[in-house]
Amino acid sequence: MGIDTESDIEANLQIGPTDKGMVRIYVEAGGAEIPMDFSPDDADEIAEEISAAANRARAMKPGRR
């Protein structure tokens, strides 16, 4: 499975600040829990990457150009 392959796996995603001033992305799926902490600057970069990927995905949809 690659980044561009769809999956039927369901996951719970939560994002929020920690008590240490970090941004936590918390993923829970299939009994696994993955907490990932990022500095606010890194979180901003991740947000920009997500936004850019969303824009690319929109451009791929049939009938959208």
N, C-alpha and C. Protein backbone atom coordinates (compact mmCIF):
# COMPACT_ATOMS: atom_id res chain seq x y z
N MET A 1 0.85 -1.17 0.00
CA MET A 1 0.00 0.00 0.00
C MET A 1 0.89 1.23 0.00
N GLY A 2 0.56 2.18 -0.83
CA GLY A 2 1.31 3.42 -0.90
C GLY A 2 0.47 4.59 -0.46
N ILE A 3 1.06 5.75 -0.47
CA ILE A 3 0.37 6.96 -0.04
C ILE A 3 -0.82 7.28 -0.95
N ASP A 4 -0.77 6.83 -2.19
CA ASP A 4 -1.84 7.16 -3.13
C ASP A 4 -2.83 6.01 -3.35
N THR A 5 -2.81 4.99 -2.47
CA THR A 5 -3.70 3.86 -2.59
C THR A 5 -4.79 3.96 -1.52
N GLU A 6 -6.05 3.85 -1.95
CA GLU A 6 -7.15 3.92 -0.99
C GLU A 6 -7.13 2.70 -0.08
N SER A 7 -7.71 2.87 1.11
CA SER A 7 -7.75 1.81 2.11
C SER A 7 -9.11 1.79 2.78
N ASP A 8 -9.52 0.61 3.26
CA ASP A 8 -10.77 0.48 4.00
C ASP A 8 -10.55 0.58 5.51
N ILE A 9 -9.33 0.86 5.93
CA ILE A 9 -9.02 0.95 7.35
C ILE A 9 -9.65 2.21 7.92
N GLU A 10 -10.35 2.06 9.05
CA GLU A 10 -10.93 3.21 9.72
C GLU A 10 -10.04 3.62 10.87
N ALA A 11 -9.93 4.92 11.08
CA ALA A 11 -9.08 5.43 12.16
C ALA A 11 -9.74 6.65 12.80
N ASN A 12 -9.41 6.87 14.04
CA ASN A 12 -9.84 8.05 14.76
C ASN A 12 -8.66 9.01 14.81
N LEU A 13 -8.87 10.25 14.43
CA LEU A 13 -7.82 11.26 14.41
C LEU A 13 -8.23 12.42 15.30
N GLN A 14 -7.33 12.78 16.22
CA GLN A 14 -7.57 13.93 17.08
C GLN A 14 -6.34 14.83 17.01
N ILE A 15 -6.57 16.13 17.05
CA ILE A 15 -5.48 17.09 16.99
C ILE A 15 -5.73 18.16 18.04
N GLY A 16 -4.70 18.48 18.82
CA GLY A 16 -4.86 19.51 19.83
C GLY A 16 -3.54 19.85 20.49
N PRO A 17 -3.54 20.88 21.33
CA PRO A 17 -2.32 21.28 22.02
C PRO A 17 -2.07 20.39 23.25
N THR A 18 -0.80 20.23 23.60
CA THR A 18 -0.44 19.51 24.81
C THR A 18 -0.17 20.51 25.92
N ASP A 19 0.00 20.00 27.12
CA ASP A 19 0.31 20.88 28.25
C ASP A 19 1.75 21.37 28.23
N LYS A 20 2.53 20.87 27.26
CA LYS A 20 3.93 21.29 27.11
C LYS A 20 4.13 22.27 25.95
N GLY A 21 3.02 22.74 25.35
CA GLY A 21 3.12 23.71 24.26
C GLY A 21 3.41 23.09 22.91
N MET A 22 3.17 21.79 22.78
CA MET A 22 3.35 21.11 21.51
C MET A 22 1.97 20.90 20.88
N VAL A 23 1.97 20.49 19.63
CA VAL A 23 0.73 20.13 18.95
C VAL A 23 0.75 18.61 18.80
N ARG A 24 -0.29 17.96 19.29
CA ARG A 24 -0.35 16.50 19.21
C ARG A 24 -1.34 16.08 18.14
N ILE A 25 -0.88 15.18 17.28
CA ILE A 25 -1.75 14.46 16.35
C ILE A 25 -1.83 13.05 16.91
N TYR A 26 -3.04 12.62 17.24
CA TYR A 26 -3.26 11.33 17.88
C TYR A 26 -4.10 10.48 16.94
N VAL A 27 -3.56 9.31 16.58
CA VAL A 27 -4.24 8.40 15.67
C VAL A 27 -4.51 7.10 16.41
N GLU A 28 -5.74 6.61 16.30
CA GLU A 28 -6.10 5.33 16.89
C GLU A 28 -6.76 4.50 15.79
N ALA A 29 -6.23 3.30 15.57
CA ALA A 29 -6.79 2.42 14.55
C ALA A 29 -6.41 0.98 14.85
N GLY A 30 -7.37 0.11 14.74
CA GLY A 30 -7.10 -1.32 14.89
C GLY A 30 -6.42 -1.68 16.20
N GLY A 31 -6.75 -1.00 17.27
CA GLY A 31 -6.14 -1.29 18.56
C GLY A 31 -4.81 -0.61 18.80
N ALA A 32 -4.28 0.07 17.81
CA ALA A 32 -3.01 0.79 17.96
C ALA A 32 -3.30 2.26 18.24
N GLU A 33 -2.51 2.84 19.13
CA GLU A 33 -2.62 4.26 19.45
C GLU A 33 -1.28 4.92 19.15
N ILE A 34 -1.31 5.98 18.34
CA ILE A 34 -0.07 6.65 17.93
C ILE A 34 -0.17 8.14 18.25
N PRO A 35 0.45 8.58 19.35
CA PRO A 35 0.51 10.00 19.64
C PRO A 35 1.78 10.59 19.02
N MET A 36 1.63 11.65 18.26
CA MET A 36 2.77 12.31 17.62
C MET A 36 2.77 13.78 18.02
N ASP A 37 3.84 14.23 18.65
CA ASP A 37 3.94 15.62 19.08
C ASP A 37 4.86 16.41 18.16
N PHE A 38 4.43 17.63 17.83
CA PHE A 38 5.18 18.50 16.93
C PHE A 38 5.26 19.90 17.53
N SER A 39 6.32 20.60 17.19
CA SER A 39 6.41 22.00 17.59
C SER A 39 5.33 22.76 16.80
N PRO A 40 4.90 23.92 17.30
CA PRO A 40 3.91 24.70 16.55
C PRO A 40 4.37 25.02 15.12
N ASP A 41 5.66 25.30 14.94
CA ASP A 41 6.16 25.60 13.59
C ASP A 41 6.06 24.37 12.68
N ASP A 42 6.42 23.20 13.22
CA ASP A 42 6.29 21.97 12.42
C ASP A 42 4.83 21.69 12.11
N ALA A 43 3.94 21.95 13.08
CA ALA A 43 2.51 21.74 12.85
C ALA A 43 2.00 22.65 11.74
N ASP A 44 2.50 23.89 11.69
CA ASP A 44 2.12 24.80 10.60
C ASP A 44 2.55 24.23 9.25
N GLU A 45 3.75 23.67 9.19
CA GLU A 45 4.24 23.07 7.94
C GLU A 45 3.38 21.88 7.54
N ILE A 46 3.00 21.06 8.51
CA ILE A 46 2.13 19.90 8.23
C ILE A 46 0.79 20.39 7.70
N ALA A 47 0.24 21.43 8.31
CA ALA A 47 -1.04 21.99 7.86
C ALA A 47 -0.93 22.49 6.41
N GLU A 48 0.18 23.11 6.07
CA GLU A 48 0.38 23.58 4.69
C GLU A 48 0.46 22.40 3.72
N GLU A 49 1.11 21.31 4.13
CA GLU A 49 1.20 20.12 3.28
C GLU A 49 -0.17 19.49 3.09
N ILE A 50 -0.98 19.45 4.15
CA ILE A 50 -2.33 18.90 4.03
C ILE A 50 -3.16 19.75 3.09
N SER A 51 -3.07 21.07 3.21
CA SER A 51 -3.81 21.96 2.34
C SER A 51 -3.39 21.80 0.88
N ALA A 52 -2.10 21.69 0.64
CA ALA A 52 -1.60 21.50 -0.72
C ALA A 52 -2.09 20.17 -1.30
N ALA A 53 -2.11 19.12 -0.48
CA ALA A 53 -2.58 17.81 -0.95
C ALA A 53 -4.08 17.87 -1.26
N ALA A 54 -4.84 18.60 -0.43
CA ALA A 54 -6.27 18.75 -0.69
C ALA A 54 -6.51 19.46 -2.02
N ASN A 55 -5.71 20.49 -2.29
CA ASN A 55 -5.85 21.20 -3.56
C ASN A 55 -5.51 20.31 -4.74
N ARG A 56 -4.46 19.49 -4.61
CA ARG A 56 -4.11 18.55 -5.69
C ARG A 56 -5.22 17.52 -5.88
N ALA A 57 -5.80 17.04 -4.78
CA ALA A 57 -6.88 16.05 -4.87
C ALA A 57 -8.10 16.65 -5.57
N ARG A 58 -8.42 17.90 -5.23
CA ARG A 58 -9.54 18.56 -5.91
C ARG A 58 -9.32 18.64 -7.42
N ALA A 59 -8.09 18.93 -7.81
CA ALA A 59 -7.77 19.06 -9.22
C ALA A 59 -7.90 17.72 -9.96
N MET A 60 -7.82 16.62 -9.25
CA MET A 60 -7.92 15.28 -9.86
C MET A 60 -9.35 14.83 -10.07
N LYS A 61 -10.29 15.41 -9.33
CA LYS A 61 -11.68 14.97 -9.42
C LYS A 61 -12.22 15.21 -10.83
N PRO A 62 -12.94 14.23 -11.38
CA PRO A 62 -13.52 14.41 -12.70
C PRO A 62 -14.46 15.62 -12.73
N GLY A 63 -14.40 16.36 -13.80
CA GLY A 63 -15.26 17.51 -13.96
C GLY A 63 -14.79 18.78 -13.27
N ARG A 64 -13.64 18.70 -12.59
CA ARG A 64 -13.11 19.89 -11.88
C ARG A 64 -11.79 20.28 -12.52
N ARG A 65 -11.73 21.43 -13.08
CA ARG A 65 -10.48 21.93 -13.69
C ARG A 65 -10.45 23.41 -13.56
